């Protein structure tokens, strides 16, 4: 069985990172320098199966040739244009994303609000769009808007996002927080019903909680949330930054229950893992409340990112990546369950969004991921007792078999 060896070639970059990068990450001892499809290679030539895919940003695989070609072509035209003007590539991107979501969201006349990093989308959906909608359409008294977040959520690490987090480590020494935040228990519709008041502007929900430990809600729960939001005149915001764009076997994970939210947040894989990009998509009733000057983003939807996003969407559709995720996800989950390791408590997920919960005998999820790295598997702890298996959607059965052999070997040596 392969066990990797690193020397001064990788160690140099690991040491430089630890010396000069801020300590907000604790990176594993790996310095990838090349990637293609589901495979990554380090300076020593060790090859790894990427079962993290940059938290779903690399859904299409590393350096997908069609997306690379689209970006190269745009580089020969124009890369950045102020949104004080229009641009052909950006305009065609807005059209493509709006039409993609038109039958998946509630309402009509879809509008795209483009941004950069993943956290920007839920931040704008909650604190700009739903808040202004609450005041100007619903009639909430000024400065009294409330927003409901769920326990164990993850929407990013800006101050607005962590104001709605229940993770103590994300909040420590960072208050005061944004007011108007109310919490409900994820998976418990009675808790949500109790949390809603006449001043509730929005409910933001992950269709699967990634950082919370790959938590899949009970069957029918998302539909109950949709029904309650409709009856109480509350905006339902679906955060699909990690779960969307094919990751769970559908373009949007809310499609598992045929649920149509009012707004959806997409990011990570939106630009094929090559360029940052995110967006809020929603009907004119909601996104249309933004007027000139209400918000802005210098690089939001700029031509280079737009070119990547347009091709990324086409690749998902034309290469059947949603269907591949369903099929390969079922195959991978069955293989993980068949390992029958005494150190595994549960394997859960949808499509290729898989979490493996470990028993206390295995130690921490971080320590398991370090063992996996030694045998050529890139993963990460989604929770102190859960590691994630989220490979690029282009993975094959042969790739999975290669990975299962090594995961089984690593677990057997605990």
Protein backbone atom coordinates (compact mmCIF):
# COMPACT_ATOMS: atom_id res chain seq x y z
CA UNK A 1 0.00 0.00 0.00
CA UNK A 2 1.30 3.43 -0.97
CA UNK A 3 2.41 5.68 1.85
CA UNK A 4 3.63 9.08 0.83
CA UNK A 5 7.00 10.64 1.49
CA UNK A 6 7.65 14.37 1.51
CA UNK A 7 11.05 16.04 1.63
CA UNK A 8 12.51 19.55 1.51
CA UNK A 9 10.67 20.34 -1.73
CA UNK A 10 7.25 20.33 -0.06
CA UNK A 11 8.56 21.27 3.37
CA UNK A 12 9.86 24.58 2.01
CA UNK A 13 6.36 25.69 0.97
CA UNK A 14 4.77 24.33 4.16
CA UNK A 15 7.28 26.32 6.24
CA UNK A 16 6.76 29.51 4.21
CA UNK A 17 3.01 29.22 4.64
CA UNK A 18 3.33 28.77 8.37
CA UNK A 19 5.76 31.68 8.64
CA UNK A 20 3.96 34.29 6.52
CA UNK A 21 0.26 33.37 6.25
CA UNK A 22 -2.25 34.49 8.88
CA UNK A 23 -3.14 31.71 11.30
CA UNK A 24 -6.84 31.57 10.44
CA UNK A 25 -6.15 28.19 8.79
CA UNK A 26 -4.26 25.18 10.09
CA UNK A 27 -3.28 23.54 6.78
CA UNK A 28 -2.35 19.90 6.44
CA UNK A 29 1.21 19.06 5.41
CA UNK A 30 0.51 18.97 1.70
CA UNK A 31 1.55 21.47 -0.99
CA UNK A 32 -0.24 20.52 -4.22
CA UNK A 33 1.40 21.93 -7.33
CA UNK A 34 -0.60 20.17 -10.09
CA UNK A 35 -4.14 18.92 -10.53
CA UNK A 36 -6.27 17.39 -13.26
CA UNK A 37 -9.73 15.89 -12.91
CA UNK A 38 -9.87 14.17 -9.53
CA UNK A 39 -6.10 13.86 -9.12
CA UNK A 40 -3.58 16.15 -7.40
CA UNK A 41 0.21 15.87 -7.27
CA UNK A 42 2.78 17.37 -4.89
CA UNK A 43 6.39 18.46 -5.65
CA UNK A 44 7.70 14.99 -4.76
CA UNK A 45 5.41 13.37 -7.32
CA UNK A 46 3.04 11.78 -4.80
CA UNK A 47 -0.46 11.45 -6.31
CA UNK A 48 -3.64 12.04 -4.30
CA UNK A 49 -7.33 11.43 -4.92
CA UNK A 50 -9.04 14.72 -4.13
CA UNK A 51 -12.03 13.91 -1.92
CA UNK A 52 -12.49 17.52 -0.82
CA UNK A 53 -12.71 19.35 -4.19
CA UNK A 54 -12.04 22.69 -2.53
CA UNK A 55 -15.30 22.46 -0.55
CA UNK A 56 -17.24 21.84 -3.80
CA UNK A 57 -15.55 24.64 -5.77
CA UNK A 58 -13.90 22.00 -7.99
CA UNK A 59 -17.11 20.12 -8.83
CA UNK A 60 -16.03 19.99 -12.48
CA UNK A 61 -12.60 18.57 -11.60
CA UNK A 62 -9.32 20.42 -11.61
CA UNK A 63 -8.57 22.44 -14.73
CA UNK A 64 -11.56 21.29 -16.75
CA UNK A 65 -10.39 21.86 -20.35
CA UNK A 66 -13.61 23.53 -21.53
CA UNK A 67 -13.60 26.07 -18.70
CA UNK A 68 -9.88 26.72 -19.09
CA UNK A 69 -10.44 27.35 -22.81
CA UNK A 70 -13.31 29.76 -22.12
CA UNK A 71 -11.19 31.76 -19.68
CA UNK A 72 -8.24 31.85 -22.09
CA UNK A 73 -10.50 33.10 -24.87
CA UNK A 74 -11.84 35.87 -22.62
CA UNK A 75 -8.28 36.89 -21.66
CA UNK A 76 -7.73 37.75 -25.30
CA UNK A 77 -10.78 40.07 -25.31
CA UNK A 78 -11.31 42.03 -22.09
CA UNK A 79 -11.04 40.95 -18.46
CA UNK A 80 -12.59 43.72 -16.38
CA UNK A 81 -15.32 46.26 -17.07
CA UNK A 82 -16.95 48.52 -14.50
CA UNK A 83 -20.59 47.74 -13.87
CA UNK A 84 -21.22 51.35 -14.71
CA UNK A 85 -21.30 49.83 -18.22
CA UNK A 86 -22.71 46.68 -19.80
CA UNK A 87 -20.58 43.85 -21.18
CA UNK A 88 -21.53 41.10 -23.66
CA UNK A 89 -20.00 38.21 -21.70
CA UNK A 90 -21.48 39.36 -18.40
CA UNK A 91 -24.90 39.97 -19.94
CA UNK A 92 -25.00 36.48 -21.41
CA UNK A 93 -23.97 35.06 -18.02
CA UNK A 94 -26.81 36.84 -16.23
CA UNK A 95 -29.26 35.48 -18.79
CA UNK A 96 -27.94 31.92 -18.48
CA UNK A 97 -28.03 31.83 -14.67
CA UNK A 98 -31.44 33.50 -14.47
CA UNK A 99 -32.95 31.03 -16.94
CA UNK A 100 -31.30 28.10 -15.18
CA UNK A 101 -33.04 29.10 -11.94
CA UNK A 102 -36.34 30.27 -13.40
CA UNK A 103 -38.15 26.96 -12.86
CA UNK A 104 -36.37 26.18 -9.61
CA UNK A 105 -37.37 29.29 -7.68
CA UNK A 106 -40.68 30.81 -6.63
CA UNK A 107 -41.90 33.83 -8.55
CA UNK A 108 -41.23 35.31 -11.97
CA UNK A 109 -38.72 37.56 -13.76
CA UNK A 110 -35.52 36.23 -12.19
CA UNK A 111 -32.72 38.67 -11.48
CA UNK A 112 -29.05 37.91 -10.78
CA UNK A 113 -27.04 39.84 -8.18
CA UNK A 114 -23.38 38.87 -8.91
CA UNK A 115 -20.58 38.88 -6.35
CA UNK A 116 -17.24 37.22 -5.65
CA UNK A 117 -16.72 35.08 -2.54
CA UNK A 118 -19.29 32.60 -1.30
CA UNK A 119 -20.07 34.41 1.93
CA UNK A 120 -21.09 37.56 0.07
CA UNK A 121 -24.20 35.91 -1.38
CA UNK A 122 -25.96 34.97 1.87
CA UNK A 123 -24.76 38.22 3.44
CA UNK A 124 -26.46 40.27 0.71
CA UNK A 125 -29.53 38.03 0.54
CA UNK A 126 -30.17 38.43 4.26
CA UNK A 127 -29.02 41.90 5.23
CA UNK A 128 -29.63 43.81 2.02
CA UNK A 129 -32.33 42.12 -0.06
CA UNK A 130 -34.64 40.42 2.46
CA UNK A 131 -34.27 43.28 4.94
CA UNK A 132 -35.23 45.92 2.38
CA UNK A 133 -38.03 43.68 1.10
CA UNK A 134 -39.28 43.34 4.66
CA UNK A 135 -39.48 47.10 5.11
CA UNK A 136 -40.73 48.17 1.68
CA UNK A 137 -43.01 45.26 0.73
CA UNK A 138 -44.00 43.33 3.85
CA UNK A 139 -44.32 46.45 6.01
CA UNK A 140 -42.03 45.58 8.92
CA UNK A 141 -41.46 48.66 11.11
CA UNK A 142 -38.15 50.37 10.31
CA UNK A 143 -35.13 48.90 12.12
CA UNK A 144 -37.19 46.01 13.53
CA UNK A 145 -36.47 43.30 10.94
CA UNK A 146 -35.59 39.82 12.22
CA UNK A 147 -33.79 36.97 10.45
CA UNK A 148 -33.93 33.30 11.38
CA UNK A 149 -30.82 31.14 11.24
CA UNK A 150 -30.58 27.44 12.13
CA UNK A 151 -28.43 25.81 14.75
CA UNK A 152 -25.11 24.40 13.48
CA UNK A 153 -25.33 26.39 10.26
CA UNK A 154 -22.43 27.68 8.22
CA UNK A 155 -22.86 30.66 5.90
CA UNK A 156 -19.32 32.03 6.04
CA UNK A 157 -17.12 34.00 8.41
CA UNK A 158 -17.93 37.66 7.87
CA UNK A 159 -19.37 39.46 10.87
CA UNK A 160 -22.87 39.19 9.42
CA UNK A 161 -22.51 35.44 8.89
CA UNK A 162 -21.08 34.68 12.32
CA UNK A 163 -23.76 36.85 13.92
CA UNK A 164 -26.07 34.06 12.79
CA UNK A 165 -23.75 31.22 13.84
CA UNK A 166 -24.15 28.98 16.89
CA UNK A 167 -20.48 27.88 16.80
CA UNK A 168 -18.77 29.47 19.86
CA UNK A 169 -15.32 29.42 18.26
CA UNK A 170 -16.51 31.49 15.31
CA UNK A 171 -17.94 34.15 17.64
CA UNK A 172 -15.29 34.34 20.37
CA UNK A 173 -13.88 37.86 20.90
CA UNK A 174 -15.72 39.25 17.85
CA UNK A 175 -18.85 40.86 19.29
CA UNK A 176 -20.96 42.94 19.30
CA UNK A 177 -22.98 41.14 16.65
CA UNK A 178 -25.66 42.15 14.18
CA UNK A 179 -29.01 42.55 15.98
CA UNK A 180 -32.27 40.96 14.91
CA UNK A 181 -30.97 37.37 14.78
CA UNK A 182 -33.25 34.55 15.95
CA UNK A 183 -32.30 30.86 16.03
CA UNK A 184 -34.35 27.74 15.27
CA UNK A 185 -33.33 24.11 15.60
CA UNK A 186 -32.40 22.54 12.26
CA UNK A 187 -34.78 19.73 11.31
CA UNK A 188 -37.46 20.79 13.84
CA UNK A 189 -40.37 22.56 12.17
CA UNK A 190 -42.01 23.36 15.53
CA UNK A 191 -38.90 25.29 16.54
CA UNK A 192 -39.06 27.34 13.34
CA UNK A 193 -42.77 28.02 13.78
CA UNK A 194 -42.10 29.33 17.28
CA UNK A 195 -39.26 31.57 16.09
CA UNK A 196 -41.29 33.42 13.42
CA UNK A 197 -42.84 36.76 14.37
CA UNK A 198 -44.56 39.52 12.38
CA UNK A 199 -41.13 41.14 12.04
CA UNK A 200 -39.44 38.11 10.48
CA UNK A 201 -38.03 39.13 7.10
CA UNK A 202 -36.23 35.93 6.14
CA UNK A 203 -35.27 32.38 6.95
CA UNK A 204 -31.94 31.17 5.59
CA UNK A 205 -31.36 27.44 5.34
CA UNK A 206 -28.81 24.99 3.99
CA UNK A 207 -30.52 22.04 2.27
CA UNK A 208 -27.70 19.94 3.76
CA UNK A 209 -25.51 21.32 6.53
CA UNK A 210 -21.93 20.85 5.36
CA UNK A 211 -19.78 22.29 8.15
CA UNK A 212 -22.34 21.09 10.67
CA UNK A 213 -21.31 17.52 9.87
CA UNK A 214 -23.04 16.78 6.54
CA UNK A 215 -26.46 16.76 8.19
CA UNK A 216 -29.31 15.71 5.91
CA UNK A 217 -32.68 17.03 7.14
CA UNK A 218 -35.63 14.68 7.71
CA UNK A 219 -37.69 13.80 4.64
CA UNK A 220 -40.28 16.47 3.96
CA UNK A 221 -38.64 19.05 6.21
CA UNK A 222 -37.61 21.49 3.48
CA UNK A 223 -41.14 21.42 2.10
CA UNK A 224 -42.48 22.19 5.58
CA UNK A 225 -40.11 25.16 5.78
CA UNK A 226 -41.33 26.36 2.39
CA UNK A 227 -44.98 26.04 3.40
CA UNK A 228 -44.42 27.90 6.65
CA UNK A 229 -42.53 30.73 4.97
CA UNK A 230 -45.33 31.07 2.43
CA UNK A 231 -48.10 31.14 5.02
CA UNK A 232 -46.24 33.63 7.25
CA UNK A 233 -45.04 35.89 4.38
CA UNK A 234 -41.35 35.29 5.08
CA UNK A 235 -38.59 35.15 2.46
CA UNK A 236 -37.05 31.67 2.18
CA UNK A 237 -33.34 31.91 1.30
CA UNK A 238 -31.68 28.70 0.15
CA UNK A 239 -27.90 28.66 0.70
CA UNK A 240 -26.57 26.29 -1.98
CA UNK A 241 -22.98 27.56 -1.90
CA UNK A 242 -21.66 24.07 -1.05
CA UNK A 243 -24.63 21.82 -1.84
CA UNK A 244 -25.61 23.30 -5.20
CA UNK A 245 -24.51 23.00 -8.83
CA UNK A 246 -24.72 19.23 -9.00
CA UNK A 247 -23.06 18.28 -5.72
CA UNK A 248 -26.02 16.31 -4.32
CA UNK A 249 -27.27 14.89 -7.62
CA UNK A 250 -29.46 17.82 -8.67
CA UNK A 251 -28.58 21.27 -9.89
CA UNK A 252 -29.92 22.56 -6.58
CA UNK A 253 -30.19 20.35 -3.51
CA UNK A 254 -33.67 21.72 -2.72
CA UNK A 255 -34.88 19.85 -5.81
CA UNK A 256 -34.72 16.60 -3.83
CA UNK A 257 -38.06 17.74 -2.35
CA UNK A 258 -39.18 19.87 -5.30
CA UNK A 259 -38.95 22.92 -3.06
CA UNK A 260 -38.87 26.37 -4.64
CA UNK A 261 -37.21 28.98 -2.41
CA UNK A 262 -37.61 32.72 -2.92
CA UNK A 263 -33.89 33.27 -3.36
CA UNK A 264 -30.92 30.99 -3.87
CA UNK A 265 -27.26 31.66 -3.09
CA UNK A 266 -24.78 29.96 -5.40
CA UNK A 267 -20.98 30.09 -5.46
CA UNK A 268 -17.88 27.91 -5.22
CA UNK A 269 -18.41 25.72 -8.33
CA UNK A 270 -20.15 28.57 -10.16
CA UNK A 271 -16.90 29.49 -11.95
CA UNK A 272 -15.49 25.98 -12.16
CA UNK A 273 -13.03 26.33 -9.29
CA UNK A 274 -10.88 28.62 -11.43
CA UNK A 275 -12.09 32.12 -10.52
CA UNK A 276 -14.08 33.23 -7.45
CA UNK A 277 -17.72 33.90 -8.15
CA UNK A 278 -21.06 33.89 -6.36
CA UNK A 279 -24.55 35.24 -6.85
CA UNK A 280 -27.99 35.69 -5.36
CA UNK A 281 -30.77 34.76 -7.77
CA UNK A 282 -34.39 35.57 -7.08
CA UNK A 283 -37.53 37.02 -8.56
CA UNK A 284 -38.07 40.69 -9.24
CA UNK A 285 -40.23 40.84 -6.11
CA UNK A 286 -37.16 40.24 -3.97
CA UNK A 287 -33.93 41.03 -5.83
CA UNK A 288 -35.76 43.85 -7.59
CA UNK A 289 -35.94 45.86 -4.34
CA UNK A 290 -32.28 46.82 -4.87
CA UNK A 291 -32.03 50.22 -6.47
CA UNK A 292 -29.06 52.13 -7.85
CA UNK A 293 -26.48 52.62 -5.13
CA UNK A 294 -27.99 50.10 -2.70
CA UNK A 295 -25.11 47.69 -3.21
CA UNK A 296 -22.07 47.15 -5.40
CA UNK A 297 -19.17 44.86 -6.21
CA UNK A 298 -16.24 45.96 -8.38
CA UNK A 299 -15.54 42.44 -9.63
CA UNK A 300 -19.03 40.97 -9.29
CA UNK A 301 -19.92 39.30 -12.59
CA UNK A 302 -16.89 40.79 -14.36
CA UNK A 303 -16.15 39.36 -17.82
CA UNK A 304 -13.47 36.85 -16.84
CA UNK A 305 -15.62 35.31 -14.10
CA UNK A 306 -18.69 35.48 -16.36
CA UNK A 307 -16.89 33.51 -19.07
CA UNK A 308 -15.94 30.83 -16.55
CA UNK A 309 -19.45 30.70 -15.09
CA UNK A 310 -21.20 30.39 -18.45
CA UNK A 311 -19.01 27.46 -19.46
CA UNK A 312 -19.23 25.87 -16.01
CA UNK A 313 -23.03 25.79 -16.20
CA UNK A 314 -22.89 24.30 -19.70
CA UNK A 315 -20.45 21.61 -18.56
CA UNK A 316 -22.75 20.55 -15.72
CA UNK A 317 -25.68 20.26 -18.10
CA UNK A 318 -23.97 18.77 -21.15
CA UNK A 319 -21.71 16.33 -19.29
CA UNK A 320 -24.58 15.17 -17.04
CA UNK A 321 -22.69 15.94 -13.84
CA UNK A 322 -25.87 15.92 -11.73
CA UNK A 323 -26.66 12.38 -12.86
CA UNK A 324 -23.02 11.36 -12.36
CA UNK A 325 -23.16 12.71 -8.83
CA UNK A 326 -26.23 10.61 -8.04
CA UNK A 327 -24.74 7.42 -9.51
CA UNK A 328 -21.20 7.81 -8.22
CA UNK A 329 -22.45 9.04 -4.86
CA UNK A 330 -24.53 5.90 -4.39
CA UNK A 331 -21.55 3.77 -5.42
CA UNK A 332 -19.16 5.55 -3.05
CA UNK A 333 -21.59 5.44 -0.10
CA UNK A 334 -22.23 1.72 -0.58
CA UNK A 335 -18.49 1.11 -0.72
CA UNK A 336 -17.85 3.10 2.46
CA UNK A 337 -20.62 1.25 4.29
CA UNK A 338 -19.26 -2.08 3.05
CA UNK A 339 -15.92 -1.36 4.74
CA UNK A 340 -17.73 -2.22 8.01
CA UNK A 341 -15.06 -0.46 10.05
CA UNK A 342 -15.60 -0.53 13.82
CA UNK A 343 -14.37 3.07 13.82
CA UNK A 344 -17.23 4.32 11.62
CA UNK A 345 -20.54 5.23 13.24
CA UNK A 346 -22.47 6.38 10.15
CA UNK A 347 -22.08 7.20 6.49
CA UNK A 348 -24.61 9.77 5.27
CA UNK A 349 -25.23 12.24 2.50
CA UNK A 350 -26.79 12.83 -0.89
CA UNK A 351 -25.02 12.40 -4.20
CA UNK A 352 -21.31 13.09 -3.75
CA UNK A 353 -21.91 15.17 -0.62
CA UNK A 354 -20.92 12.47 1.89
CA UNK A 355 -20.02 12.63 5.56
CA UNK A 356 -18.41 9.83 7.54
CA UNK A 357 -19.07 10.07 11.28
CA UNK A 358 -16.44 8.30 13.33
CA UNK A 359 -16.56 6.54 16.68
CA UNK A 360 -14.59 7.84 19.69
CA UNK A 361 -12.11 4.99 19.08
CA UNK A 362 -10.93 6.76 15.91
CA UNK A 363 -9.87 9.92 17.69
CA UNK A 364 -10.65 13.19 15.95
CA UNK A 365 -11.78 13.66 12.36
CA UNK A 366 -8.64 15.75 11.83
CA UNK A 367 -6.41 12.87 12.87
CA UNK A 368 -8.28 10.51 10.52
CA UNK A 369 -7.80 12.99 7.65
CA UNK A 370 -4.07 13.05 8.39
CA UNK A 371 -3.98 9.25 8.14
CA UNK A 372 -5.91 9.41 4.87
CA UNK A 373 -3.43 11.92 3.50
CA UNK A 374 -0.59 9.48 4.18
CA UNK A 375 -2.23 6.95 1.85
CA UNK A 376 -3.15 9.43 -0.87
CA UNK A 377 -6.63 10.68 0.05
CA UNK A 378 -7.38 14.39 0.44
CA UNK A 379 -10.28 15.03 2.81
CA UNK A 380 -11.11 17.40 5.64
CA UNK A 381 -12.95 17.45 8.93
CA UNK A 382 -16.47 18.82 8.50
CA UNK A 383 -16.99 18.50 12.25
CA UNK A 384 -14.81 17.20 15.13
CA UNK A 385 -16.23 13.71 14.53
CA UNK A 386 -17.09 13.82 10.80
CA UNK A 387 -14.84 13.84 7.76
CA UNK A 388 -16.22 14.64 4.35
CA UNK A 389 -16.03 12.76 1.08
CA UNK A 390 -16.84 15.33 -1.63
CA UNK A 391 -14.75 14.53 -4.72
CA UNK A 392 -15.14 16.24 -8.09
CA UNK A 393 -18.27 15.07 -9.88
CA UNK A 394 -16.20 13.65 -12.76
CA UNK A 395 -14.98 10.79 -10.55
CA UNK A 396 -15.31 7.24 -11.95
CA UNK A 397 -15.96 3.85 -10.36
CA UNK A 398 -12.29 2.94 -10.86
CA UNK A 399 -11.24 6.12 -9.04
CA UNK A 400 -13.65 5.30 -6.21
CA UNK A 401 -12.35 1.73 -5.94
CA UNK A 402 -8.81 3.12 -5.68
CA UNK A 403 -9.97 5.43 -2.90
CA UNK A 404 -11.99 2.84 -1.00
CA UNK A 405 -9.01 0.51 -0.80
CA UNK A 406 -6.93 3.25 0.79
CA UNK A 407 -9.66 4.54 3.09
CA UNK A 408 -10.21 0.98 4.34
CA UNK A 409 -6.46 0.55 4.87
CA UNK A 410 -6.16 3.82 6.80
CA UNK A 411 -9.12 2.97 9.05
CA UNK A 412 -7.72 -0.51 9.72
CA UNK A 413 -4.51 1.00 11.07
CA UNK A 414 -6.17 3.17 13.73
